[in-house]
Protein backbone atom coordinates (compact mmCIF):
# COMPACT_ATOMS: atom_id res chain seq x y z
CA MET A 1 -28.17 7.66 -9.07
CA ILE A 2 -25.39 9.73 -7.43
CA GLN A 3 -25.98 13.27 -8.45
CA ARG A 4 -23.03 14.48 -10.60
CA ARG A 5 -21.62 17.34 -8.56
CA LEU A 6 -18.15 18.14 -8.01
CA LEU A 7 -16.81 17.31 -4.52
CA ARG A 8 -13.28 17.88 -3.33
CA ALA A 9 -11.40 15.41 -1.13
CA SER A 10 -9.74 17.39 1.76
CA ALA A 11 -7.48 16.56 4.59
CA LEU A 12 -5.71 18.55 7.17
CA LEU A 13 -1.91 18.48 6.47
CA LEU A 14 0.13 17.33 9.56
CA LEU A 15 3.10 19.30 10.73
CA GLY A 16 6.42 17.84 9.72
CA VAL A 17 5.37 16.26 6.47
CA GLY A 18 5.95 19.35 4.25
CA ALA A 19 9.12 17.85 2.68
CA ALA A 20 7.00 14.84 1.42
CA CYS A 21 4.00 16.89 0.11
CA ASN A 22 3.11 17.19 -3.59
CA ARG A 23 4.43 20.43 -5.00
CA SER A 24 2.07 22.97 -6.33
CA GLY A 25 1.23 22.86 -9.93
CA GLN A 26 3.43 25.94 -10.61
CA GLU A 27 6.41 24.39 -8.73
CA GLN A 28 5.98 21.06 -10.53
CA ARG A 29 6.02 22.88 -13.99
CA ALA A 30 9.08 24.91 -12.95
CA ASN A 31 10.82 21.64 -12.01
CA ALA A 32 9.60 19.65 -15.18
CA GLN A 33 13.27 19.23 -16.27
CA GLU A 34 14.52 18.35 -12.81
CA LYS A 35 16.03 14.93 -12.56
CA ALA A 36 13.74 11.99 -11.57
CA PRO A 37 14.01 10.73 -7.94
CA ALA A 38 17.44 9.64 -6.97
CA PRO A 39 18.34 5.95 -7.49
CA ALA A 40 17.62 3.64 -4.63
CA THR A 41 20.80 2.91 -2.51
CA ALA A 42 20.07 -0.65 -1.42
CA GLN A 43 20.13 -2.31 -4.81
CA ASN A 44 23.25 -4.43 -4.64
CA GLY A 45 25.25 -1.97 -6.59
CA ARG A 46 23.13 -2.31 -9.78
CA THR A 47 22.25 0.63 -11.95
CA PRO A 48 18.47 1.49 -11.74
CA LEU A 49 16.45 0.02 -14.55
CA GLU A 50 14.27 3.15 -14.88
CA THR A 51 16.07 6.19 -16.17
CA ARG A 52 13.37 8.23 -17.69
CA VAL A 53 12.26 11.53 -16.09
CA ALA A 54 9.47 10.98 -13.61
CA ASN A 55 5.81 12.04 -14.22
CA VAL A 56 6.13 14.12 -11.00
CA PRO A 57 9.78 15.05 -10.86
CA GLY A 58 9.70 17.00 -7.63
CA GLN A 59 8.61 14.07 -5.39
CA ARG A 60 11.03 12.02 -3.51
CA PRO A 61 10.55 8.33 -2.12
CA THR A 62 9.90 7.81 1.54
CA PHE A 63 12.68 5.32 1.75
CA PRO A 64 15.57 4.69 -0.59
CA GLU A 65 14.47 1.37 -2.13
CA GLN A 66 10.81 2.35 -2.64
CA THR A 67 11.37 3.14 -6.44
CA ARG A 68 13.82 2.75 -9.21
CA ALA A 69 15.20 -0.74 -8.39
CA GLY A 70 18.44 -2.02 -9.87
CA LYS A 71 18.32 -3.61 -13.27
CA LEU A 72 18.27 -7.27 -13.00
CA PRO A 73 20.33 -9.41 -15.38
CA ALA A 74 18.42 -11.91 -17.67
CA SER A 75 18.19 -15.10 -15.57
CA ALA A 76 16.17 -17.46 -17.80
CA ASP A 77 16.21 -18.61 -21.25
CA PHE A 78 12.63 -18.84 -22.49
CA GLU A 79 10.57 -18.94 -25.64
CA VAL A 80 7.19 -17.47 -26.31
CA THR A 81 4.53 -19.42 -28.19
CA VAL A 82 1.48 -17.63 -29.46
CA LEU A 83 -1.41 -20.00 -28.60
CA ALA A 84 -4.35 -18.00 -29.81
CA LYS A 85 -5.04 -14.71 -31.76
CA GLY A 86 -8.05 -12.72 -32.62
CA LEU A 87 -9.36 -12.42 -28.97
CA ALA A 88 -11.51 -9.41 -28.30
CA HIS A 89 -9.80 -7.43 -25.50
CA PRO A 90 -9.14 -10.42 -23.36
CA TRP A 91 -9.05 -9.48 -19.63
CA ALA A 92 -8.04 -12.59 -17.70
CA VAL A 93 -6.51 -16.05 -18.25
CA GLU A 94 -7.04 -18.84 -15.71
CA PRO A 95 -5.31 -22.23 -16.35
CA LEU A 96 -7.38 -25.33 -15.84
CA PRO A 97 -5.91 -28.45 -14.16
CA THR A 98 -6.14 -30.32 -17.51
CA GLY A 99 -3.78 -27.72 -19.27
CA GLU A 100 -6.68 -25.88 -20.94
CA LEU A 101 -7.14 -22.15 -20.33
CA LEU A 102 -10.15 -20.14 -19.37
CA ILE A 103 -10.21 -16.74 -21.03
CA THR A 104 -12.51 -13.74 -20.50
CA GLU A 105 -13.15 -11.20 -23.31
CA ARG A 106 -14.21 -7.81 -22.10
CA PRO A 107 -17.28 -7.60 -24.55
CA GLY A 108 -18.76 -10.47 -22.60
CA ALA A 109 -17.45 -13.84 -23.85
CA LEU A 110 -15.90 -16.62 -21.71
CA ARG A 111 -13.94 -19.09 -23.75
CA ILE A 112 -11.67 -22.13 -23.24
CA VAL A 113 -8.42 -22.42 -25.32
CA SER A 114 -6.90 -25.92 -25.55
CA ALA A 115 -3.30 -26.56 -24.60
CA ALA A 116 -2.64 -26.77 -28.33
CA GLY A 117 -4.19 -23.41 -28.97
CA GLN A 118 -7.67 -24.38 -30.33
CA LEU A 119 -10.16 -21.57 -29.55
CA GLY A 120 -13.56 -22.69 -28.18
CA GLU A 121 -16.93 -21.15 -28.69
CA PRO A 122 -18.28 -18.81 -26.07
CA ILE A 123 -19.44 -20.62 -23.08
CA ARG A 124 -23.26 -20.22 -22.57
CA GLY A 125 -24.86 -18.85 -19.35
CA VAL A 126 -22.74 -15.76 -18.76
CA PRO A 127 -25.08 -12.86 -17.56
CA ALA A 128 -25.21 -9.60 -19.55
CA VAL A 129 -22.29 -7.13 -18.93
CA TYR A 130 -22.05 -3.39 -19.24
CA ALA A 131 -19.38 -3.45 -21.96
CA LYS A 132 -18.45 0.28 -22.38
CA GLY A 133 -15.28 2.04 -21.46
CA GLN A 134 -13.24 -0.14 -19.12
CA GLY A 135 -16.33 -2.16 -18.31
CA GLY A 136 -17.37 -5.72 -19.38
CA LEU A 137 -16.53 -9.26 -18.48
CA LEU A 138 -13.42 -9.03 -16.32
CA ASP A 139 -11.78 -11.59 -14.08
CA VAL A 140 -12.28 -15.35 -13.67
CA ALA A 141 -11.04 -17.66 -10.90
CA LEU A 142 -11.49 -21.36 -10.13
CA SER A 143 -13.05 -22.50 -6.89
CA PRO A 144 -10.47 -24.00 -4.53
CA THR A 145 -12.45 -27.26 -5.04
CA PHE A 146 -12.91 -27.02 -8.81
CA SER A 147 -11.68 -30.54 -9.30
CA SER A 148 -14.77 -31.89 -7.53
CA ASP A 149 -17.36 -29.12 -7.95
CA ARG A 150 -16.41 -27.53 -11.36
CA THR A 151 -17.40 -24.09 -9.98
CA ILE A 152 -15.89 -21.01 -11.39
CA TYR A 153 -16.25 -17.31 -10.28
CA TRP A 154 -16.06 -14.24 -12.30
CA SER A 155 -16.31 -10.51 -12.04
CA PHE A 156 -18.08 -8.07 -14.37
CA SER A 157 -19.42 -4.61 -14.67
CA GLU A 158 -23.15 -5.18 -14.24
CA PRO A 159 -25.81 -2.86 -15.67
CA ARG A 160 -28.00 -1.64 -12.66
CA GLY A 161 -30.92 -0.11 -14.66
CA THR A 162 -31.55 3.54 -14.01
CA THR A 163 -28.82 3.77 -11.29
CA GLY A 164 -25.89 3.15 -13.59
CA ASN A 165 -23.58 0.11 -13.23
CA ALA A 166 -21.06 -1.39 -10.78
CA THR A 167 -18.77 -4.45 -10.26
CA SER A 168 -20.49 -7.72 -9.46
CA VAL A 169 -19.23 -11.28 -8.80
CA ALA A 170 -20.98 -14.37 -9.98
CA LYS A 171 -20.43 -18.08 -9.78
CA GLY A 172 -21.63 -21.02 -11.78
CA VAL A 173 -20.82 -24.69 -12.60
CA LEU A 174 -18.96 -25.51 -15.73
CA SER A 175 -20.60 -28.41 -17.62
CA ALA A 176 -18.63 -31.63 -18.34
CA ASP A 177 -18.46 -30.70 -22.14
CA GLN A 178 -17.29 -27.14 -21.16
CA ARG A 179 -19.83 -25.52 -23.20
CA SER A 180 -22.22 -24.05 -20.69
CA LEU A 181 -22.66 -22.83 -17.11
CA SER A 182 -25.46 -23.92 -14.77
CA GLN A 183 -26.52 -22.86 -11.28
CA VAL A 184 -25.39 -19.23 -12.17
CA ARG A 185 -26.05 -16.62 -9.50
CA VAL A 186 -24.66 -13.29 -8.71
CA ILE A 187 -23.29 -13.60 -5.08
CA PHE A 188 -22.02 -10.02 -4.61
CA ARG A 189 -22.95 -6.68 -5.92
CA ALA A 190 -20.79 -3.64 -5.19
CA LEU A 191 -22.49 -0.44 -3.79
CA PRO A 192 -23.21 2.28 -4.94
CA ALA A 193 -24.06 1.88 -8.57
CA TYR A 194 -22.67 4.76 -10.60
CA ASP A 195 -23.17 6.18 -14.11
CA GLY A 196 -19.60 5.90 -15.38
CA ASP A 197 -17.40 3.60 -17.30
CA LYS A 198 -13.99 3.48 -15.49
CA HIS A 199 -12.04 1.94 -12.58
CA TYR A 200 -13.88 -1.27 -11.85
CA GLY A 201 -10.85 -2.86 -10.26
CA SER A 202 -12.10 -6.47 -10.25
CA ARG A 203 -9.35 -8.93 -9.62
CA LEU A 204 -10.38 -12.09 -7.73
CA ALA A 205 -8.06 -14.23 -5.60
CA PHE A 206 -8.81 -17.16 -3.40
CA GLY A 207 -6.61 -17.10 -0.27
CA PRO A 208 -5.04 -20.06 1.63
CA ASP A 209 -8.04 -19.40 4.14
CA GLY A 210 -10.48 -20.44 1.31
CA LEU A 211 -11.92 -16.89 1.28
CA LEU A 212 -12.38 -14.84 -1.82
CA TYR A 213 -10.61 -11.52 -2.06
CA VAL A 214 -12.12 -8.85 -4.55
CA SER A 215 -10.59 -5.57 -5.61
CA LEU A 216 -12.79 -2.68 -6.45
CA GLY A 217 -11.85 0.61 -8.04
CA GLU A 218 -13.13 4.01 -6.99
CA ARG A 219 -14.75 4.73 -10.36
CA SER A 220 -12.29 7.53 -11.24
CA ASP A 221 -14.50 10.66 -11.41
CA LEU A 222 -13.88 13.44 -8.99
CA GLU A 223 -17.38 13.31 -7.57
CA ILE A 224 -17.13 9.69 -6.46
CA ARG A 225 -13.42 9.38 -5.83
CA PRO A 226 -13.60 10.43 -2.13
CA GLN A 227 -15.61 7.29 -1.53
CA ALA A 228 -12.41 5.38 -1.43
CA GLN A 229 -12.09 6.76 2.08
CA GLN A 230 -15.79 6.19 3.07
CA MET A 231 -16.68 3.15 4.93
CA GLY A 232 -20.32 3.09 3.69
CA SER A 233 -19.17 2.52 0.21
CA HIS A 234 -17.38 -0.46 -1.49
CA MET A 235 -15.50 1.92 -3.85
CA GLY A 236 -11.70 1.84 -3.65
CA LYS A 237 -11.55 -1.14 -1.43
CA THR A 238 -10.40 -4.72 -1.19
CA LEU A 239 -13.11 -7.05 0.11
CA ARG A 240 -12.98 -10.47 1.76
CA ILE A 241 -16.00 -12.64 1.30
CA THR A 242 -16.99 -16.22 1.65
CA ALA A 243 -17.47 -18.54 -1.48
CA ASP A 244 -21.21 -17.67 -1.30
CA GLY A 245 -20.56 -13.95 -1.22
CA GLN A 246 -21.14 -13.20 2.48
CA PRO A 247 -18.91 -11.08 4.58
CA ALA A 248 -16.02 -13.18 5.84
CA PRO A 249 -16.10 -13.71 9.64
CA GLY A 250 -13.53 -11.71 11.40
CA ASN A 251 -13.37 -8.94 8.83
CA PRO A 252 -11.72 -5.86 10.38
CA PHE A 253 -14.76 -3.57 10.11
CA ILE A 254 -17.50 -6.00 10.64
CA LYS A 255 -18.58 -4.47 13.93
CA GLN A 256 -17.84 -0.74 12.96
CA ALA A 257 -21.04 1.31 12.85
CA GLY A 258 -21.71 2.60 9.32
CA ALA A 259 -19.00 0.35 7.73
CA LEU A 260 -19.82 -2.29 5.07
CA PRO A 261 -18.81 -5.68 6.55
CA GLU A 262 -17.13 -7.02 3.40
CA ILE A 263 -14.46 -4.38 3.57
CA TRP A 264 -10.85 -5.58 4.27
CA THR A 265 -8.68 -2.62 3.17
CA VAL A 266 -9.33 0.90 2.21
CA GLY A 267 -8.01 3.75 0.18
CA GLN A 268 -7.17 2.17 -3.21
CA ARG A 269 -7.57 3.60 -6.69
CA ASN A 270 -7.92 0.86 -9.26
CA VAL A 271 -6.39 -2.45 -8.29
CA GLN A 272 -6.33 -4.86 -11.20
CA SER A 273 -3.51 -7.11 -9.68
CA LEU A 274 -3.87 -9.36 -6.66
CA ALA A 275 -1.46 -12.20 -5.92
CA PHE A 276 -0.60 -14.36 -3.01
CA ASP A 277 3.06 -15.26 -2.47
CA ALA A 278 4.36 -18.52 -1.29
CA GLN A 279 4.02 -17.54 2.36
CA GLY A 280 0.26 -16.81 1.90
CA GLN A 281 0.81 -13.01 2.05
CA LEU A 282 -1.54 -11.04 -0.25
CA TRP A 283 -0.06 -8.23 -2.51
CA SER A 284 -1.76 -5.73 -4.84
CA VAL A 285 -0.57 -3.45 -7.59
CA ASP A 286 -2.64 -0.36 -7.86
CA MET A 287 -2.81 1.99 -10.88
CA GLY A 288 -1.76 5.45 -9.90
CA PRO A 289 -2.97 8.57 -11.71
CA GLN A 290 -0.19 10.25 -13.67
CA GLY A 291 2.76 8.90 -11.64
CA GLY A 292 2.70 6.59 -8.66
CA ASP A 293 1.58 3.07 -9.64
CA GLU A 294 2.03 1.23 -6.29
CA LEU A 295 2.96 -2.25 -5.13
CA ASN A 296 1.28 -2.84 -1.70
CA ARG A 297 1.52 -5.59 0.85
CA LEU A 298 -2.09 -5.97 1.99
CA GLU A 299 -3.15 -6.43 5.64
CA GLY A 300 -6.73 -6.33 6.81
CA GLY A 301 -7.85 -3.02 8.38
CA LYS A 302 -5.20 -0.95 6.70
CA ASN A 303 -5.64 2.28 4.73
CA PHE A 304 -3.52 2.73 1.68
CA GLY A 305 -4.28 6.52 1.27
CA TRP A 306 -5.93 7.25 -2.03
CA PRO A 307 -6.82 9.99 -2.78
CA LEU A 308 -5.18 11.58 0.21
CA VAL A 309 -1.82 9.97 -0.15
CA THR A 310 -0.29 9.38 -3.56
CA PHE A 311 2.93 9.71 -5.55
CA GLY A 312 0.94 10.83 -8.59
CA GLU A 313 -0.72 13.88 -10.04
CA GLU A 314 -3.89 14.53 -12.10
CA TYR A 315 -3.65 13.81 -15.80
CA SER A 316 -3.86 17.57 -16.33
CA GLY A 317 -0.55 18.01 -14.58
CA GLU A 318 -2.18 19.62 -11.51
CA PRO A 319 -1.66 18.10 -8.06
CA VAL A 320 -4.18 15.70 -6.58
CA PRO A 321 -6.25 17.91 -4.37
CA ASP A 322 -4.74 18.19 -0.76
CA ALA A 323 -2.67 15.05 -1.28
CA VAL A 324 0.68 14.20 0.21
CA THR A 325 3.18 11.49 -0.60
CA THR A 326 3.32 10.00 2.92
CA LYS A 327 1.26 10.54 6.08
CA PRO A 328 1.01 9.01 9.58
CA GLY A 329 -1.79 6.48 9.79
CA TYR A 330 -1.60 5.44 6.14
CA VAL A 331 0.46 2.63 4.57
CA ASP A 332 3.30 3.56 2.45
CA PRO A 333 3.74 1.48 -0.79
CA VAL A 334 6.44 -1.10 -0.76
CA TYR A 335 7.36 0.18 -4.28
CA TYR A 336 6.19 2.62 -6.86
CA TRP A 337 6.74 3.40 -10.50
CA ASP A 338 7.05 6.86 -11.85
CA PRO A 339 6.74 7.02 -14.78
CA VAL A 340 3.81 4.75 -14.51
CA ILE A 341 3.58 1.36 -16.28
CA ALA A 342 -0.17 0.98 -15.89
CA PRO A 343 -0.20 -2.41 -14.01
CA SER A 344 -2.79 -5.21 -14.54
CA GLY A 345 -2.49 -8.72 -13.60
CA ALA A 346 0.21 -10.30 -11.29
CA GLN A 347 1.62 -13.67 -10.39
CA PHE A 348 4.27 -14.79 -7.87
CA TYR A 349 6.18 -17.44 -9.55
CA THR A 350 6.49 -20.87 -7.68
CA GLY A 351 6.97 -23.37 -10.40
CA ASP A 352 9.77 -25.62 -11.43
CA ALA A 353 10.19 -24.62 -15.04
CA PHE A 354 12.14 -21.56 -14.15
CA PRO A 355 14.11 -22.15 -10.88
CA ALA A 356 15.77 -18.74 -11.15
CA TRP A 357 12.35 -17.05 -11.12
CA ARG A 358 11.02 -18.57 -7.89
CA GLY A 359 9.62 -16.00 -5.58
CA ASN A 360 9.71 -13.29 -8.23
CA LEU A 361 6.62 -11.24 -8.94
CA PHE A 362 5.47 -10.78 -12.49
CA VAL A 363 3.23 -7.85 -13.40
CA GLY A 364 1.57 -6.99 -16.73
CA ALA A 365 2.14 -3.41 -17.97
CA LEU A 366 -0.44 -1.91 -20.23
CA LYS A 367 1.12 1.52 -20.87
CA ASP A 368 4.68 0.28 -21.31
CA LYS A 369 3.55 -2.96 -23.05
CA GLU A 370 5.96 -5.18 -21.06
CA LEU A 371 6.01 -7.90 -18.57
CA VAL A 372 7.74 -6.66 -15.40
CA ARG A 373 9.77 -8.99 -13.22
CA LEU A 374 10.35 -7.88 -9.66
CA GLN A 375 12.80 -9.62 -7.32
CA VAL A 376 11.20 -9.38 -3.75
CA GLU A 377 13.34 -10.14 -0.79
CA GLN A 378 12.29 -9.68 2.73
CA GLY A 379 9.45 -7.46 1.87
CA ARG A 380 11.43 -5.15 -0.35
CA VAL A 381 11.90 -4.92 -4.07
CA THR A 382 15.63 -5.47 -4.88
CA GLY A 383 15.64 -5.65 -8.62
CA GLU A 384 13.45 -5.23 -11.79
CA GLU A 385 13.55 -6.61 -15.25
CA ARG A 386 11.31 -5.81 -18.30
CA LEU A 387 10.48 -8.67 -20.67
CA LEU A 388 8.55 -8.98 -24.02
CA SER A 389 8.98 -5.29 -24.86
CA GLU A 390 9.64 -6.11 -28.54
CA ARG A 391 6.15 -7.50 -28.94
CA LYS A 392 4.55 -4.11 -28.25
CA GLN A 393 1.19 -5.27 -26.87
CA ARG A 394 -0.60 -4.28 -23.73
CA ILE A 395 -0.17 -7.05 -21.30
CA ARG A 396 -3.44 -7.40 -19.26
CA ASP A 397 -2.96 -10.69 -17.17
CA VAL A 398 -0.21 -13.22 -16.32
CA ARG A 399 -0.86 -16.66 -14.73
CA GLN A 400 1.24 -19.57 -13.90
CA GLY A 401 0.00 -22.90 -15.32
CA PRO A 402 0.31 -26.41 -13.65
CA ASP A 403 3.18 -27.00 -16.06
CA GLY A 404 5.19 -24.13 -14.63
CA ALA A 405 4.83 -22.02 -17.74
CA LEU A 406 3.52 -18.48 -17.63
CA TYR A 407 0.41 -17.58 -19.69
CA VAL A 408 -0.22 -14.04 -20.77
CA VAL A 409 -3.19 -12.33 -22.49
CA THR A 410 -2.88 -9.01 -24.28
CA ASP A 411 -5.45 -6.30 -24.30
CA GLU A 412 -5.83 -5.49 -27.92
CA ASP A 413 -8.62 -5.38 -30.56
CA SER A 414 -7.14 -8.59 -31.76
CA GLY A 415 -5.62 -9.90 -28.53
CA GLU A 416 -3.34 -12.75 -28.07
CA LEU A 417 -2.65 -15.65 -25.71
CA TRP A 418 0.99 -16.41 -25.08
CA LYS A 419 2.83 -19.27 -23.47
CA ILE A 420 6.21 -18.52 -21.86
CA ALA A 421 8.20 -21.73 -21.32
CA PRO A 422 11.85 -22.72 -21.22
CA ARG A 423 13.56 -22.68 -24.57
CA LYS A 424 13.72 -26.08 -26.11
CA SER A 425 17.21 -27.23 -27.05
CA ARG A 426 17.90 -27.61 -30.76
CA PRO A 427 19.47 -30.84 -32.24
């Protein structure tokens, strides 16, 4: 078990970046009433959607359109159907080709909900999970060849005996009657295990290359947080592995001494959103601390900076130790939110049900209890809309079904499954 001792992430500040640095705690408090970052300028003349004072008011974006995008007008007439209620903190929804939906519940149940909303019994064969804090049964994804092999993959916080717990990925074959799993085995175990209950990351996404991308959090606590920058740890990384859990051939650090071969990207905090766009580009949305939720365009071998580079501050209001908002050698976020939205689950829309939404990125917001729509053009965010605010539920995941509808689960004691579809015309 990692000894619980306080370490402090440190970095030499480079000359010339002082204007982008986090202010000291005293300066931040003195500027608490200062206006939030200036509105982005390249937003087609639209007023910024976000008008609240920022969590960290003294910081400024690295480029104008990096935050506070213009408010998008409503572009689709839709209705929301509540397909299921009474779910125990659902974490993921995965549509099946048949129109049914796989749902994970964080305490450890995997269920199927019919297209009409009938809730199935827990599927047998799921391994034990560490269901405390933010841990439990997390994401679920279909094999790219599910129609022929009926294989599914899921991530979960796995108890590791006396060493604590960590994120693991398992696979199994769903029975024809959809009541049980067979040939279940854990194909990947993140290292090191840690005696904590936060920041498991844990989104799964199969790419056009047939490889499995896995996001892992840095486990939150100060003593383990620096491992997001350490190549001998899986913490705070995105991984690229084969369908059997092996390091993907050609991974960027596979020949680097001391680096774990599964690592694909470095320096992330708690990514619960992975989504491929129509061009096959992978994007992530990373939870910031207090301030600085980030949208990132992921590329193998890149370092996204946490905890050395961030637009956030500690929950105490103090600066993140020795951090700056931008630094050579680290990738700037494409977009960030401040105040934070607490992002979880993302989907690029590619369907026919809502033509006006094609190419837009949808992101679930836990803190703000909304579904965020981003207009992404030429690699930049050019507009933002907030949906479903009136329902006041923590949106944990959003997925597009084969029918072009969006399916959403809400992270509540009595969570719900929603279907977002075009509004039916009334006679």
